[in-house]
Protein backbone atom coordinates (compact mmCIF):
# COMPACT_ATOMS: atom_id res chain seq x y z
CA MET A 1 12.95 51.67 -2.61
CA ALA A 2 13.77 48.94 -0.33
CA LYS A 3 11.05 46.26 0.21
CA LYS A 4 9.32 46.55 3.63
CA ARG A 5 10.11 43.73 5.83
CA ARG A 6 7.07 41.70 7.37
CA PRO A 7 7.15 41.98 11.20
CA ARG A 8 7.58 38.78 12.97
CA THR A 9 4.43 37.68 14.77
CA GLN A 10 4.63 36.25 18.22
CA PRO A 11 2.83 32.83 18.59
CA SER A 12 -0.18 32.81 21.01
CA ALA A 13 0.16 31.18 24.47
CA PRO A 14 -1.35 27.78 23.58
CA ALA A 15 0.72 27.71 20.28
CA ALA A 16 3.86 28.73 22.10
CA ALA A 17 3.29 25.70 24.36
CA ARG A 18 3.02 23.48 21.42
CA LEU A 19 6.08 25.11 19.75
CA ALA A 20 8.00 24.23 22.93
CA ASP A 21 7.22 20.63 22.29
CA GLY A 22 8.32 20.95 18.75
CA GLU A 23 4.84 20.93 17.32
CA VAL A 24 3.62 23.81 14.99
CA PRO A 25 -0.25 24.06 15.10
CA VAL A 26 -2.17 24.05 11.79
CA VAL A 27 -3.74 27.27 10.86
CA GLY A 28 -5.27 28.86 7.78
CA ALA A 29 -2.96 28.86 4.63
CA ARG A 30 -3.10 32.65 4.62
CA GLU A 31 -2.38 33.28 8.35
CA PRO A 32 0.85 34.03 9.98
CA CYS A 33 2.80 30.84 10.63
CA PRO A 34 2.47 30.11 14.41
CA CYS A 35 6.33 29.44 14.39
CA GLY A 36 6.81 33.49 14.29
CA SER A 37 8.78 33.60 11.06
CA GLY A 38 6.63 36.30 9.65
CA ARG A 39 5.73 34.23 6.70
CA ARG A 40 2.19 32.89 5.78
CA TYR A 41 1.68 29.39 7.01
CA LYS A 42 1.30 27.97 3.40
CA ALA A 43 4.93 29.37 2.76
CA CYS A 44 6.41 28.11 5.91
CA HIS A 45 5.46 25.01 8.09
CA GLY A 46 2.27 24.43 5.94
CA ARG A 47 4.46 23.53 3.01
CA ALA A 48 5.69 20.37 4.55
CA ALA A 49 2.23 19.48 5.90
CA ALA A 50 0.85 19.99 2.27
CA GLN A 51 3.55 17.72 0.73
CA ALA A 52 2.89 15.07 3.48
CA ALA A 53 -0.87 15.35 2.71
CA THR A 54 -0.48 14.76 -1.18
CA GLU A 55 2.18 12.25 -1.16
CA LEU A 56 0.61 8.88 -2.26
CA VAL A 57 0.92 5.84 0.01
CA GLN A 58 1.08 2.89 -2.33
CA ARG A 59 -0.33 0.40 0.21
CA PRO A 60 -2.73 2.11 2.37
CA PHE A 61 -4.08 -1.20 3.76
CA GLU A 62 -0.78 -2.75 4.40
CA GLY A 63 -0.74 -4.27 8.06
CA LEU A 64 -4.40 -4.52 8.35
CA SER A 65 -6.04 -7.92 8.53
CA GLY A 66 -7.51 -8.86 5.10
CA GLU A 67 -5.53 -6.39 3.23
CA CYS A 68 -6.59 -8.10 -0.03
CA ASP A 69 -10.30 -7.77 0.84
CA TRP A 70 -9.95 -4.11 1.68
CA VAL A 71 -8.56 -3.50 -1.70
CA ALA A 72 -11.38 -5.51 -3.33
CA LEU A 73 -14.09 -3.59 -1.23
CA ARG A 74 -12.52 -0.32 -2.29
CA GLU A 75 -12.06 -1.09 -6.04
CA LEU A 76 -14.06 -4.07 -7.25
CA VAL A 77 -17.18 -5.02 -5.07
CA PRO A 78 -20.21 -2.81 -5.33
CA ALA A 79 -22.08 -3.67 -2.27
CA ALA A 80 -20.49 -5.19 0.85
CA THR A 81 -20.05 -4.70 4.49
CA ALA A 82 -17.62 -5.85 7.10
CA PRO A 83 -17.55 -5.33 10.94
CA LEU A 84 -14.47 -3.47 12.38
CA VAL A 85 -12.79 -4.31 15.69
CA LEU A 86 -11.00 -1.24 17.32
CA ARG A 87 -7.85 -1.88 19.21
CA ASP A 88 -9.27 -0.01 22.38
CA GLY A 89 -12.74 -0.95 22.22
CA LEU A 90 -15.85 1.00 21.20
CA PRO A 91 -16.25 4.51 22.48
CA ASP A 92 -19.46 4.99 24.78
CA GLY A 93 -22.59 5.24 22.88
CA VAL A 94 -21.24 3.55 19.66
CA PRO A 95 -22.53 -0.13 19.59
CA SER A 96 -20.81 -1.19 16.53
CA VAL A 97 -18.68 0.01 13.63
CA THR A 98 -19.16 -1.37 10.04
CA LEU A 99 -17.20 -0.92 7.08
CA ALA A 100 -19.27 -0.30 3.84
CA THR A 101 -18.54 -0.07 0.23
CA VAL A 102 -20.57 3.00 -0.36
CA LEU A 103 -23.34 5.00 1.55
CA PRO A 104 -26.13 7.12 0.38
CA MET A 105 -25.45 10.24 -1.42
CA ALA A 106 -21.68 9.44 -1.15
CA TRP A 107 -21.43 10.17 2.58
CA PRO A 108 -18.06 9.46 3.91
CA ALA A 109 -19.73 7.95 7.09
CA LEU A 110 -23.15 7.74 8.80
CA ARG A 111 -24.04 7.60 12.45
CA ARG A 112 -27.31 5.76 12.74
CA ASP A 113 -30.00 6.71 15.17
CA ASN A 114 -28.85 3.96 17.64
CA GLY A 115 -25.29 5.13 17.43
CA GLU A 116 -23.97 2.59 15.13
CA VAL A 117 -21.35 3.81 12.72
CA LEU A 118 -21.05 3.00 9.09
CA LEU A 119 -17.74 3.99 7.31
CA ALA A 120 -17.66 4.00 3.42
CA VAL A 121 -14.42 2.99 1.86
CA GLN A 122 -15.18 3.99 -1.85
CA ASN A 123 -15.37 7.78 -1.37
CA ASP A 124 -13.17 10.52 -2.61
CA THR A 125 -10.35 11.25 -0.19
CA ALA A 126 -8.61 14.30 0.67
CA THR A 127 -4.94 13.33 0.78
CA GLY A 128 -2.64 10.66 -0.67
CA ASP A 129 -3.01 8.47 2.49
CA LEU A 130 -6.38 6.68 2.15
CA SER A 131 -5.78 5.01 5.58
CA ARG A 132 -5.30 8.29 7.19
CA ASP A 133 -8.41 9.83 5.46
CA LEU A 134 -10.58 6.99 6.46
CA ALA A 135 -9.34 7.07 10.20
CA ASP A 136 -10.12 10.70 10.23
CA VAL A 137 -13.72 10.13 8.98
CA LEU A 138 -14.09 7.21 11.59
CA LEU A 139 -12.93 9.48 14.51
CA ARG A 140 -15.26 12.27 13.52
CA ALA A 141 -18.10 9.75 13.23
CA PHE A 142 -17.85 8.88 16.93
CA THR A 143 -18.53 12.58 17.80
CA THR A 144 -21.35 13.01 15.16
CA THR A 145 -24.88 13.35 16.72
CA PRO A 146 -26.75 9.93 16.02
CA GLY A 147 -29.01 9.98 12.99
CA ASN A 148 -26.59 12.27 10.87
CA PRO A 149 -24.07 11.61 8.03
CA VAL A 150 -20.32 12.60 8.60
CA ALA A 151 -19.30 15.67 6.47
CA ALA A 152 -16.11 15.30 4.33
CA GLY A 153 -12.92 16.76 5.88
CA ARG A 154 -9.09 16.84 5.59
CA PRO A 155 -7.10 15.00 8.14
CA ALA A 156 -4.12 16.50 10.04
CA PRO A 157 -0.76 15.40 8.35
CA ASP A 158 0.24 13.64 11.55
CA GLY A 159 -3.28 12.08 12.42
CA PRO A 160 -3.96 8.41 13.09
CA ARG A 161 -4.22 5.88 10.32
CA LEU A 162 -6.50 2.75 10.33
CA GLN A 163 -3.66 0.73 11.43
CA ASP A 164 -3.48 2.59 14.47
CA LEU A 165 -7.12 2.25 15.23
CA LEU A 166 -8.12 -1.12 14.28
CA ASP A 167 -7.39 -4.44 16.07
CA PRO A 168 -4.74 -6.36 13.70
CA ARG A 169 -5.59 -9.51 15.20
CA ALA A 170 -9.62 -9.35 14.51
CA PRO A 171 -10.28 -11.15 11.24
CA PHE A 172 -11.68 -9.18 8.30
CA GLU A 173 -14.84 -10.72 7.18
CA PRO A 174 -16.65 -9.15 4.28
CA VAL A 175 -20.23 -9.90 3.48
CA VAL A 176 -21.41 -9.25 -0.32
CA HIS A 177 -24.91 -7.94 -0.65
CA GLU A 178 -27.06 -8.16 -3.78
CA GLY A 179 -28.08 -4.55 -3.28
CA PHE A 180 -27.68 -1.70 -0.74
CA GLU A 181 -30.51 -2.36 1.61
CA PHE A 182 -27.88 -2.57 4.27
CA TRP A 183 -28.02 1.38 4.19
CA LEU A 184 -31.18 1.38 6.32
CA ASP A 185 -32.69 -0.57 9.18
CA ASP A 186 -35.95 -0.78 7.15
CA ALA A 187 -35.18 -0.31 3.60
CA GLU A 188 -38.93 -0.64 2.47
CA ARG A 189 -39.65 2.63 4.58
CA ALA A 190 -37.08 4.82 2.57
CA THR A 191 -38.32 8.06 1.16
CA GLY A 192 -37.01 11.08 -0.81
CA ASP A 193 -33.46 11.36 -1.74
CA VAL A 194 -32.45 8.38 0.13
CA ALA A 195 -34.88 6.13 -1.62
CA ALA A 196 -33.97 7.58 -5.01
CA SER A 197 -30.16 6.90 -4.16
CA LEU A 198 -31.01 3.32 -3.10
CA GLU A 199 -33.01 2.84 -6.35
CA ARG A 200 -30.14 4.09 -8.52
CA ALA A 201 -27.45 2.10 -6.63
CA ASN A 202 -29.23 -1.00 -6.91
CA ALA A 203 -29.79 -0.66 -10.47
CA ALA A 204 -26.19 -0.16 -11.22
CA ALA A 205 -24.83 -2.83 -8.88
CA THR A 206 -23.05 -5.69 -10.78
CA PRO A 207 -23.79 -9.07 -9.22
CA THR A 208 -20.90 -10.29 -7.34
CA VAL A 209 -19.93 -13.26 -5.03
CA ARG A 210 -16.88 -13.76 -2.99
CA LEU A 211 -15.51 -17.30 -3.32
CA THR A 212 -15.32 -19.36 -0.12
CA GLY A 213 -12.44 -21.65 -0.92
CA VAL A 214 -9.64 -18.99 -1.68
CA ASP A 215 -8.91 -15.66 -0.12
CA ALA A 216 -10.06 -12.31 -1.73
CA ALA A 217 -11.34 -13.77 -5.02
CA TYR A 218 -14.67 -12.10 -6.35
CA TRP A 219 -16.82 -13.59 -9.24
CA CYS A 220 -19.04 -11.07 -11.11
CA ARG A 221 -21.70 -11.22 -13.75
CA THR A 222 -21.74 -8.77 -16.77
CA PRO A 223 -23.99 -8.81 -19.82
CA GLU A 224 -21.55 -10.43 -22.25
CA LYS A 225 -19.37 -12.59 -20.02
CA ASN A 226 -18.55 -13.31 -16.39
CA HIS A 227 -15.17 -12.60 -14.64
CA LEU A 228 -13.17 -13.51 -11.78
CA ARG A 229 -10.94 -11.12 -10.13
CA TRP A 230 -8.63 -12.29 -7.58
CA VAL A 231 -6.65 -9.77 -5.35
CA MET A 232 -3.28 -11.39 -4.54
CA PRO A 233 -0.84 -10.37 -1.72
CA HIS A 234 2.62 -11.64 -3.40
CA PRO A 235 5.09 -9.05 -4.57
CA GLU A 236 4.11 -7.89 -8.11
CA GLU A 237 7.36 -9.10 -9.85
CA GLN A 238 7.28 -12.43 -8.25
CA LEU A 239 3.68 -13.08 -9.03
CA LEU A 240 4.02 -12.00 -12.64
CA ASP A 241 6.91 -14.46 -13.07
CA ALA A 242 4.79 -17.24 -11.50
CA LEU A 243 1.75 -16.54 -13.61
CA ALA A 244 3.90 -16.24 -16.87
CA ARG A 245 5.36 -19.80 -16.02
CA LEU A 246 1.80 -21.16 -15.65
CA GLN A 247 0.58 -19.26 -18.80
CA ALA A 248 3.31 -20.66 -20.95
CA ALA A 249 2.61 -24.12 -19.51
CA GLY A 250 -1.24 -23.75 -20.36
CA ALA A 251 -1.97 -24.13 -16.58
CA THR A 252 -4.02 -20.77 -15.94
CA SER A 253 -7.34 -21.96 -16.91
CA LEU A 254 -10.28 -22.27 -14.56
CA GLY A 255 -12.29 -24.50 -16.86
CA GLU A 256 -13.49 -25.04 -20.26
CA ASP A 257 -13.62 -21.42 -22.11
CA THR A 258 -11.99 -19.58 -19.43
CA ARG A 259 -9.00 -17.48 -19.88
CA LEU A 260 -6.49 -15.29 -17.75
CA VAL A 261 -6.72 -11.98 -19.73
CA GLY A 262 -4.52 -9.76 -17.63
CA SER A 263 -4.51 -8.04 -14.44
CA PHE A 264 -5.20 -4.76 -12.36
CA ARG A 265 -2.69 -2.95 -10.05
CA ALA A 266 -4.55 -1.62 -7.12
CA HIS A 267 -3.24 -0.10 -3.87
CA GLY A 268 0.06 -1.82 -4.13
CA LEU A 269 -1.40 -5.28 -4.96
CA THR A 270 -1.87 -7.18 -8.30
CA VAL A 271 -5.40 -8.49 -9.21
CA PRO A 272 -5.46 -11.19 -11.85
CA VAL A 273 -8.58 -11.25 -14.07
CA TRP A 274 -10.15 -14.14 -15.91
CA ASP A 275 -12.94 -14.10 -18.58
CA LEU A 276 -15.59 -16.73 -17.98
CA PRO A 277 -18.55 -18.04 -19.96
CA SER A 278 -21.84 -16.36 -19.10
CA ALA A 279 -23.01 -19.83 -17.85
CA HIS A 280 -19.84 -20.23 -15.56
CA GLY A 281 -21.25 -19.12 -12.00
CA ALA A 282 -19.43 -18.51 -8.77
CA GLN A 283 -19.98 -22.13 -7.65
CA GLU A 284 -18.36 -23.50 -10.79
CA CYS A 285 -15.19 -21.36 -9.98
CA GLU A 286 -14.56 -22.75 -6.39
CA LYS A 287 -12.79 -26.15 -7.26
CA PRO A 288 -10.82 -24.76 -10.31
CA ALA A 289 -9.75 -21.64 -8.21
CA ALA A 290 -8.57 -23.78 -5.32
CA ALA A 291 -6.68 -26.08 -7.89
CA PHE A 292 -5.09 -22.99 -9.37
CA GLY A 293 -4.11 -21.52 -6.14
CA GLU A 294 -2.12 -24.90 -5.48
CA ARG A 295 -0.42 -24.46 -8.85
CA LEU A 296 0.29 -20.93 -8.23
CA ALA A 297 1.88 -21.56 -4.80
CA GLU A 298 4.29 -23.96 -6.38
CA ALA A 299 5.12 -21.55 -9.22
CA LEU A 300 5.80 -18.89 -6.71
CA THR A 301 8.76 -20.96 -5.43
CA ALA A 302 10.57 -21.34 -8.63
CA THR A 303 13.73 -19.54 -9.00
CA ALA A 304 15.10 -20.52 -12.35
CA PRO A 305 15.27 -17.75 -15.17
CA LEU A 306 12.22 -17.55 -17.34
CA THR A 307 12.44 -19.29 -20.63
CA PRO A 308 11.71 -17.40 -23.94
CA GLU A 309 8.17 -18.60 -23.98
CA GLU A 310 7.68 -17.53 -20.32
CA ARG A 311 9.02 -14.29 -21.09
CA ARG A 312 6.72 -13.66 -23.80
CA ALA A 313 3.78 -14.68 -21.65
CA ARG A 314 5.01 -12.20 -18.93
CA ASP A 315 5.21 -9.53 -21.64
CA GLY A 316 1.58 -10.34 -22.62
CA LEU A 317 0.41 -10.09 -18.87
CA THR A 318 2.37 -6.91 -18.42
CA ASN A 319 0.95 -5.19 -21.54
CA ARG A 320 -2.54 -6.05 -20.39
CA GLN A 321 -2.07 -4.63 -16.79
CA ILE A 322 -4.23 -1.64 -15.72
CA THR A 323 -3.45 0.50 -12.85
CA LEU A 324 -6.61 1.53 -10.79
CA ASN A 325 -5.03 4.16 -8.59
């Protein structure tokens, strides 16, 4: 018996208007595709949309002011905030927009009673493009009733990205906090689930300080030893060569009993990590980090092939590299 052909469906009037402009509207996965092919959306135009949504963007913050600090707030820093400046100004009724590392109950965003918007950067996201996911949450926060969190959602494959919404000329200036009291206007009055979430978050927060003398370097304290984690913007291969040259020359130290132990790879950038003695605080890192930055800048200009000792140092750094995303 011949297989019955599924009748071709005609798009609705609004859909037809968008089809005339070359745009296929997004519908449910099992609904007929608006293009009129007779196939389900997921097997027709939805296939390309799904592929675009799951494709990983290696550097989602590229082009934003302070890309290295964006990566740090996403992956390394427990409690921090940074004001955001929009290209086209703030919408009516929204006095400010602030990026936060995390929010109570892992909310993607929160619109406070006074209309202020807090956008969380450390949440799980729906697609492979973190920038598009965060932009979608931000836009939905603008239309959320004040005093409510923003629900999780899935952005359109062709929706705007943070680079489309934020002013690239505005500086990105994170403020690191000891705890998460920034969640609330009056943290002492927190009750119920919010108070419990605040208490748990504060108990788990690793003490962290952003260095002032160099960009995107963060000191943190752990029970056994302290660390410096420094997000760097340089191309990975060039940076690893430079670090290998310095490592072979014994020039990666930040002081007595400090050691460059490896690096993270996060959102397309490389994050060298140093072990520090427990007595080595953030202030003690400032001058050595600035001096290392000068040595690194010189090493980055070197073009000669690596020596055998430098290649061994580079292999060691590569073998100790961990990818965070």
